[in-house]
Amino acid sequence: MIRRVFKEINGFNFPIIDKTLSLDDKCRGEEIKHWLENNKHVERFVIIDDDSDMLEEQRIFFVKTTPEFGLTKPEILSIINILNKTR
């Protein structure tokens, strides 16, 4: 899926700078929280995932995809809207 994300977003000039580590005993939201705590320079971000186990405070940055359809135009528009907002 990461290749599709790069392909879809590439035309919008949004750099993808990294990805989270997999913390086997933690939910995705905890993995993202860990990454953000270790990357304080981040001003804006969006969470793109086909799983919904995010922390409550992360929901406004979250765009859910599906394995069947991946990243579609509505999700891309949501990503743009989130990234255009300030934190």
Protein backbone atom coordinates (compact mmCIF):
# COMPACT_ATOMS: atom_id res chain seq x y z
CA MET A 1 0.00 0.00 0.00
CA ILE A 2 2.86 2.42 0.72
CA ARG A 3 3.78 2.42 -2.98
CA ARG A 4 0.23 3.42 -3.88
CA VAL A 5 0.29 6.22 -1.31
CA PHE A 6 3.53 7.58 -2.80
CA LYS A 7 2.06 7.39 -6.29
CA GLU A 8 -1.26 9.07 -5.37
CA ILE A 9 0.19 11.85 -3.23
CA ASN A 10 3.25 12.54 -5.35
CA GLY A 11 1.32 14.86 -7.67
CA PHE A 12 0.34 17.03 -4.69
CA ASN A 13 3.95 17.61 -3.55
CA PHE A 14 3.38 16.33 0.00
CA PRO A 15 6.60 14.76 1.17
CA ILE A 16 6.32 11.50 3.06
CA ILE A 17 9.25 11.64 5.44
CA ASP A 18 9.02 8.48 7.50
CA LYS A 19 6.81 5.74 8.90
CA THR A 20 6.17 4.42 12.39
CA LEU A 21 7.91 1.50 13.98
CA SER A 22 5.80 -1.55 14.71
CA LEU A 23 5.40 -1.87 18.47
CA ASP A 24 3.86 -5.33 18.70
CA ASP A 25 2.15 -4.84 22.05
CA LYS A 26 0.74 -1.37 21.23
CA CYS A 27 -2.14 -0.08 19.14
CA ARG A 28 -1.44 2.02 16.03
CA GLY A 29 -2.28 5.19 17.92
CA GLU A 30 0.42 4.43 20.48
CA GLU A 31 2.95 3.77 17.71
CA ILE A 32 2.10 7.13 16.14
CA LYS A 33 2.27 8.91 19.50
CA HIS A 34 5.73 7.37 20.05
CA TRP A 35 6.89 8.57 16.62
CA LEU A 36 5.59 12.11 17.18
CA GLU A 37 7.24 12.33 20.60
CA ASN A 38 10.55 11.46 18.93
CA ASN A 39 10.07 13.88 16.03
CA LYS A 40 9.20 17.20 17.67
CA HIS A 41 10.02 19.16 14.49
CA VAL A 42 6.80 17.98 12.79
CA GLU A 43 4.40 20.88 12.21
CA ARG A 44 1.69 19.05 10.26
CA PHE A 45 0.86 15.42 9.71
CA VAL A 46 -1.86 13.10 8.56
CA ILE A 47 -2.47 9.53 9.63
CA ILE A 48 -3.45 7.26 6.71
CA ASP A 49 -4.39 3.75 7.75
CA ASP A 50 -6.88 0.96 7.09
CA ASP A 51 -7.14 0.25 10.81
CA SER A 52 -9.01 2.51 13.23
CA ASP A 53 -7.16 1.96 16.50
CA MET A 54 -6.07 5.59 16.94
CA LEU A 55 -5.98 7.57 20.14
CA GLU A 56 -8.86 9.99 20.65
CA GLU A 57 -6.66 13.08 20.14
CA GLN A 58 -5.43 11.67 16.80
CA ARG A 59 -8.85 11.27 15.18
CA ILE A 60 -8.80 14.77 13.63
CA PHE A 61 -5.61 13.81 11.76
CA PHE A 62 -6.85 10.38 10.67
CA VAL A 63 -7.98 9.27 7.20
CA LYS A 64 -9.26 5.71 6.98
CA THR A 65 -8.63 3.70 3.85
CA THR A 66 -9.78 0.22 2.91
CA PRO A 67 -7.71 -2.69 1.62
CA GLU A 68 -10.20 -3.12 -1.23
CA PHE A 69 -9.98 0.41 -2.62
CA GLY A 70 -6.86 1.90 -1.04
CA LEU A 71 -6.49 5.63 -1.44
CA THR A 72 -9.38 7.16 -3.38
CA LYS A 73 -10.21 10.74 -4.31
CA PRO A 74 -12.33 11.40 -1.16
CA GLU A 75 -9.44 10.27 1.04
CA ILE A 76 -6.99 12.41 -0.93
CA LEU A 77 -9.25 15.43 -0.42
CA SER A 78 -9.42 14.69 3.31
CA ILE A 79 -5.62 14.44 3.43
CA ILE A 80 -5.30 17.82 1.73
CA ASN A 81 -7.79 19.40 4.16
CA ILE A 82 -5.98 18.02 7.20
CA LEU A 83 -2.56 19.15 5.96
CA ASN A 84 -3.86 22.62 5.18
CA LYS A 85 -4.98 23.13 8.80
CA THR A 86 -2.53 24.27 11.46
CA ARG A 87 -1.90 22.09 14.47
